[in-house]
Amino acid sequence: MKTVLLLLVSNIFMTFAWYGHLKFTQTTLWKVILISWGIAFFEYCFQVPANRIGYGQFNGFQLKTIQEVITLVVFMVFSVLYLKEELKWNYIVGFVLLLAAVFFVFKKW
C-alpha cells in the first residue's frame, strides 16, 4: 500500500510538471521548462522510493503497470478539473482496456 500511495503522490507532481503549463501559454518556454523541472524533482522524491520499496513485493512489470494505471487516473481527474476538458466515452473505454492489461500482468498463470 505504501508503494501505491507514493506512486500516487509522484504522479500528481508528474502531471503538473508535464501538463500544468498548458494553461500558461503566454509564459516563455524556457521558464516553463525550469518550473517543470522543479516540480519534477518532487516527483522523483516520491517515485524512486516507491519503486525501491515496492520491488520485491512486485516485479518490474507489475510496478510499471501500477504506475500507468495511477497515471491515467490522476490525468483523468487533472484534465477534467484543471484543464476543463470533457471526459469522453472513448477515453473511458480505453482505460477499461488498460485494466484488462492489469489483469493479465497480475494473474498467476
Protein backbone atom coordinates (compact mmCIF):
# COMPACT_ATOMS: atom_id res chain seq x y z
CA MET A 1 0.00 0.00 0.00
CA LYS A 2 2.90 2.35 0.75
CA THR A 3 4.19 1.88 -2.81
CA VAL A 4 0.82 2.77 -4.31
CA LEU A 5 0.45 5.88 -2.15
CA LEU A 6 3.96 7.09 -3.02
CA LEU A 7 3.28 6.48 -6.71
CA LEU A 8 0.02 8.40 -6.42
CA VAL A 9 1.79 11.45 -4.95
CA SER A 10 4.57 11.10 -7.52
CA ASN A 11 2.09 11.08 -10.38
CA ILE A 12 0.31 14.17 -9.11
CA PHE A 13 3.61 16.05 -9.25
CA MET A 14 4.44 14.49 -12.63
CA THR A 15 1.12 15.51 -14.13
CA PHE A 16 1.55 19.11 -13.03
CA ALA A 17 5.17 19.13 -14.25
CA TRP A 18 4.24 17.76 -17.67
CA TYR A 19 0.84 19.36 -18.29
CA GLY A 20 0.26 22.15 -15.76
CA HIS A 21 1.93 24.71 -18.01
CA LEU A 22 -0.69 24.24 -20.73
CA LYS A 23 -2.82 26.92 -19.09
CA PHE A 24 0.08 29.39 -19.24
CA THR A 25 0.66 29.71 -22.98
CA GLN A 26 1.93 33.29 -22.59
CA THR A 27 4.82 32.22 -20.35
CA THR A 28 8.07 31.75 -22.24
CA LEU A 29 9.09 28.18 -22.91
CA TRP A 30 12.39 28.34 -21.03
CA LYS A 31 10.59 29.49 -17.85
CA VAL A 32 8.04 26.72 -18.15
CA ILE A 33 10.83 24.16 -18.61
CA LEU A 34 12.63 25.35 -15.46
CA ILE A 35 9.43 25.35 -13.42
CA SER A 36 8.56 21.87 -14.72
CA TRP A 37 11.99 20.60 -13.74
CA GLY A 38 11.48 21.99 -10.26
CA ILE A 39 8.16 20.21 -9.93
CA ALA A 40 9.61 17.01 -11.40
CA PHE A 41 12.25 16.97 -8.66
CA PHE A 42 9.48 16.28 -6.15
CA GLU A 43 8.01 13.64 -8.44
CA TYR A 44 11.31 11.75 -8.27
CA CYS A 45 11.47 12.19 -4.48
CA PHE A 46 8.33 10.03 -4.28
CA GLN A 47 8.68 7.81 -7.35
CA VAL A 48 12.16 6.44 -6.66
CA PRO A 49 11.36 5.36 -3.06
CA ALA A 50 8.03 3.92 -4.25
CA ASN A 51 9.79 1.64 -6.71
CA ARG A 52 12.58 0.80 -4.27
CA ILE A 53 10.07 -0.15 -1.54
CA GLY A 54 7.75 -1.98 -3.93
CA TYR A 55 10.37 -4.01 -5.76
CA GLY A 56 10.32 -7.48 -4.28
CA GLN A 57 6.66 -7.34 -3.38
CA PHE A 58 6.06 -6.54 -7.06
CA ASN A 59 8.28 -7.23 -10.05
CA GLY A 60 9.31 -4.52 -12.51
CA PHE A 61 6.47 -5.23 -14.92
CA GLN A 62 3.92 -5.01 -12.13
CA LEU A 63 5.39 -1.78 -10.76
CA LYS A 64 5.21 -0.18 -14.20
CA THR A 65 1.63 -1.38 -14.67
CA ILE A 66 0.60 0.07 -11.30
CA GLN A 67 2.23 3.37 -12.23
CA GLU A 68 0.49 3.55 -15.60
CA VAL A 69 -2.94 2.93 -14.08
CA ILE A 70 -2.31 5.58 -11.42
CA THR A 71 -1.02 7.95 -14.11
CA LEU A 72 -4.21 7.62 -16.13
CA VAL A 73 -6.49 8.02 -13.10
CA VAL A 74 -4.61 11.13 -11.98
CA PHE A 75 -4.60 12.51 -15.52
CA MET A 76 -8.34 11.94 -15.97
CA VAL A 77 -9.05 13.93 -12.80
CA PHE A 78 -6.47 16.59 -13.76
CA SER A 79 -7.78 17.04 -17.30
CA VAL A 80 -11.39 17.40 -16.15
CA LEU A 81 -10.80 19.61 -13.10
CA TYR A 82 -7.71 21.63 -14.09
CA LEU A 83 -7.75 21.74 -17.89
CA LYS A 84 -11.58 21.73 -18.01
CA GLU A 85 -11.63 19.07 -20.71
CA GLU A 86 -14.52 16.71 -21.31
CA LEU A 87 -14.14 13.06 -20.30
CA LYS A 88 -15.47 11.23 -23.37
CA TRP A 89 -16.77 7.69 -23.58
CA ASN A 90 -13.90 6.50 -25.79
CA TYR A 91 -11.35 7.62 -23.18
CA ILE A 92 -13.17 5.52 -20.60
CA VAL A 93 -13.26 2.51 -22.95
CA GLY A 94 -9.51 2.88 -23.49
CA PHE A 95 -8.97 2.96 -19.74
CA VAL A 96 -11.09 -0.17 -19.26
CA LEU A 97 -8.91 -1.93 -21.85
CA LEU A 98 -5.86 -0.93 -19.82
CA LEU A 99 -7.49 -2.53 -16.78
CA ALA A 100 -7.67 -5.73 -18.83
CA ALA A 101 -3.89 -5.44 -19.19
CA VAL A 102 -3.63 -5.19 -15.40
CA PHE A 103 -5.49 -8.49 -15.14
CA PHE A 104 -3.01 -10.22 -17.44
CA VAL A 105 0.04 -8.73 -15.74
CA PHE A 106 -1.02 -9.69 -12.21
CA LYS A 107 -2.71 -13.06 -12.95
CA LYS A 108 -0.75 -16.07 -11.69
CA TRP A 109 -0.51 -18.35 -14.72
